[in-house]
Amino acid sequence: MLPLNIQIDRTERLLRRLEEDAPLMAVRISQLAPEHQRAAKAHVAELAAKARAELQKLIDEISMWDSNDPTPQAAD
């Protein structure tokens, strides 16, 4: 299993790529029938929603790890 930081980075990268690709995707699917366009847009939206949920889960998990970390912290 990958470390949480790497999983977070990959998930953030996926979301960023999906958002940046939206205009190009519109061009790519413009030749499709309307029902296929809707299906493609719905698929991307579902993928982005799952990625956001996964990202939130990973962030919550890493913050839980940080709060339970028994490692002594340096004094200021």
C-alpha atoms as a PDB file:
ATOM      1  CA  MET A   1       0.000   0.000   0.000  1.00  0.00           C
ATOM      2  CA  LEU A   2       1.232   3.460  -0.884  1.00  0.00           C
ATOM      3  CA  PRO A   3       1.889   6.021   1.830  1.00  0.00           C
ATOM      4  CA  LEU A   4      -1.012   8.382   2.469  1.00  0.00           C
ATOM      5  CA  ASN A   5       0.856  11.424   1.156  1.00  0.00           C
ATOM      6  CA  ILE A   6       1.433   9.740  -2.199  1.00  0.00           C
ATOM      7  CA  GLN A   7      -2.214   8.647  -2.394  1.00  0.00           C
ATOM      8  CA  ILE A   8      -3.314  12.203  -1.634  1.00  0.00           C
ATOM      9  CA  ASP A   9      -0.976  13.612  -4.295  1.00  0.00           C
ATOM     10  CA  ARG A  10      -2.263  11.173  -6.918  1.00  0.00           C
ATOM     11  CA  THR A  11      -5.891  11.869  -6.100  1.00  0.00           C
ATOM     12  CA  GLU A  12      -5.326  15.635  -6.213  1.00  0.00           C
ATOM     13  CA  ARG A  13      -3.565  15.222  -9.567  1.00  0.00           C
ATOM     14  CA  LEU A  14      -6.508  13.210 -10.941  1.00  0.00           C
ATOM     15  CA  LEU A  15      -8.987  15.885  -9.858  1.00  0.00           C
ATOM     16  CA  ARG A  16      -6.836  18.644 -11.315  1.00  0.00           C
ATOM     17  CA  ARG A  17      -6.541  16.790 -14.635  1.00  0.00           C
ATOM     18  CA  LEU A  18     -10.290  16.187 -14.803  1.00  0.00           C
ATOM     19  CA  GLU A  19     -10.979  19.869 -14.174  1.00  0.00           C
ATOM     20  CA  GLU A  20      -8.357  21.042 -16.670  1.00  0.00           C
ATOM     21  CA  ASP A  21      -9.609  18.576 -19.295  1.00  0.00           C
ATOM     22  CA  ALA A  22     -13.247  19.721 -19.172  1.00  0.00           C
ATOM     23  CA  PRO A  23     -13.003  22.114 -22.176  1.00  0.00           C
ATOM     24  CA  LEU A  24     -11.161  19.525 -24.268  1.00  0.00           C
ATOM     25  CA  MET A  25     -13.625  16.831 -23.305  1.00  0.00           C
ATOM     26  CA  ALA A  26     -16.477  19.038 -24.509  1.00  0.00           C
ATOM     27  CA  VAL A  27     -14.776  19.251 -27.904  1.00  0.00           C
ATOM     28  CA  ARG A  28     -14.080  15.506 -28.018  1.00  0.00           C
ATOM     29  CA  ILE A  29     -17.658  14.512 -27.245  1.00  0.00           C
ATOM     30  CA  SER A  30     -19.320  17.202 -29.364  1.00  0.00           C
ATOM     31  CA  GLN A  31     -19.614  14.765 -32.292  1.00  0.00           C
ATOM     32  CA  LEU A  32     -21.455  12.191 -30.176  1.00  0.00           C
ATOM     33  CA  ALA A  33     -25.195  11.807 -29.958  1.00  0.00           C
ATOM     34  CA  PRO A  34     -26.775  13.815 -27.116  1.00  0.00           C
ATOM     35  CA  GLU A  35     -27.425  10.737 -24.974  1.00  0.00           C
ATOM     36  CA  HIS A  36     -23.788   9.685 -25.309  1.00  0.00           C
ATOM     37  CA  GLN A  37     -22.662  13.195 -24.432  1.00  0.00           C
ATOM     38  CA  ARG A  38     -24.782  13.067 -21.279  1.00  0.00           C
ATOM     39  CA  ALA A  39     -23.403   9.627 -20.412  1.00  0.00           C
ATOM     40  CA  ALA A  40     -19.804  10.798 -20.865  1.00  0.00           C
ATOM     41  CA  LYS A  41     -20.388  13.912 -18.761  1.00  0.00           C
ATOM     42  CA  ALA A  42     -22.136  11.856 -16.086  1.00  0.00           C
ATOM     43  CA  HIS A  43     -19.251   9.380 -16.016  1.00  0.00           C
ATOM     44  CA  VAL A  44     -16.679  12.146 -15.556  1.00  0.00           C
ATOM     45  CA  ALA A  45     -18.811  13.803 -12.881  1.00  0.00           C
ATOM     46  CA  GLU A  46     -19.142  10.486 -11.038  1.00  0.00           C
ATOM     47  CA  LEU A  47     -15.404   9.871 -11.291  1.00  0.00           C
ATOM     48  CA  ALA A  48     -14.674  13.352  -9.928  1.00  0.00           C
ATOM     49  CA  ALA A  49     -17.157  12.886  -7.072  1.00  0.00           C
ATOM     50  CA  LYS A  50     -15.567   9.562  -6.118  1.00  0.00           C
ATOM     51  CA  ALA A  51     -12.100  11.118  -6.281  1.00  0.00           C
ATOM     52  CA  ARG A  52     -13.214  14.026  -4.050  1.00  0.00           C
ATOM     53  CA  ALA A  53     -14.705  11.577  -1.545  1.00  0.00           C
ATOM     54  CA  GLU A  54     -11.512   9.498  -1.592  1.00  0.00           C
ATOM     55  CA  LEU A  55      -9.406  12.635  -1.139  1.00  0.00           C
ATOM     56  CA  GLN A  56     -11.491  13.694   1.859  1.00  0.00           C
ATOM     57  CA  LYS A  57     -11.186  10.206   3.356  1.00  0.00           C
ATOM     58  CA  LEU A  58      -7.406  10.271   2.923  1.00  0.00           C
ATOM     59  CA  ILE A  59      -7.124  13.749   4.426  1.00  0.00           C
ATOM     60  CA  ASP A  60      -9.242  12.658   7.399  1.00  0.00           C
ATOM     61  CA  GLU A  61      -7.119   9.546   7.785  1.00  0.00           C
ATOM     62  CA  ILE A  62      -3.844  11.450   7.731  1.00  0.00           C
ATOM     63  CA  SER A  63      -5.161  14.028  10.207  1.00  0.00           C
ATOM     64  CA  MET A  64      -6.245  11.190  12.502  1.00  0.00           C
ATOM     65  CA  TRP A  65      -2.741   9.735  12.208  1.00  0.00           C
ATOM     66  CA  ASP A  66      -1.245  13.125  13.084  1.00  0.00           C
ATOM     67  CA  SER A  67      -3.475  13.546  16.128  1.00  0.00           C
ATOM     68  CA  ASN A  68      -2.669  10.032  17.400  1.00  0.00           C
ATOM     69  CA  ASP A  69       1.072  10.342  16.794  1.00  0.00           C
ATOM     70  CA  PRO A  70       2.880   9.696  20.083  1.00  0.00           C
ATOM     71  CA  THR A  71       6.132  11.132  18.754  1.00  0.00           C
ATOM     72  CA  PRO A  72       7.328  13.923  21.028  1.00  0.00           C
ATOM     73  CA  GLN A  73       7.185  17.370  19.498  1.00  0.00           C
ATOM     74  CA  ALA A  74       9.916  19.952  19.900  1.00  0.00           C
ATOM     75  CA  ALA A  75       9.205  22.801  22.271  1.00  0.00           C
ATOM     76  CA  ASP A  76       9.147  26.338  20.886  1.00  0.00           C
END
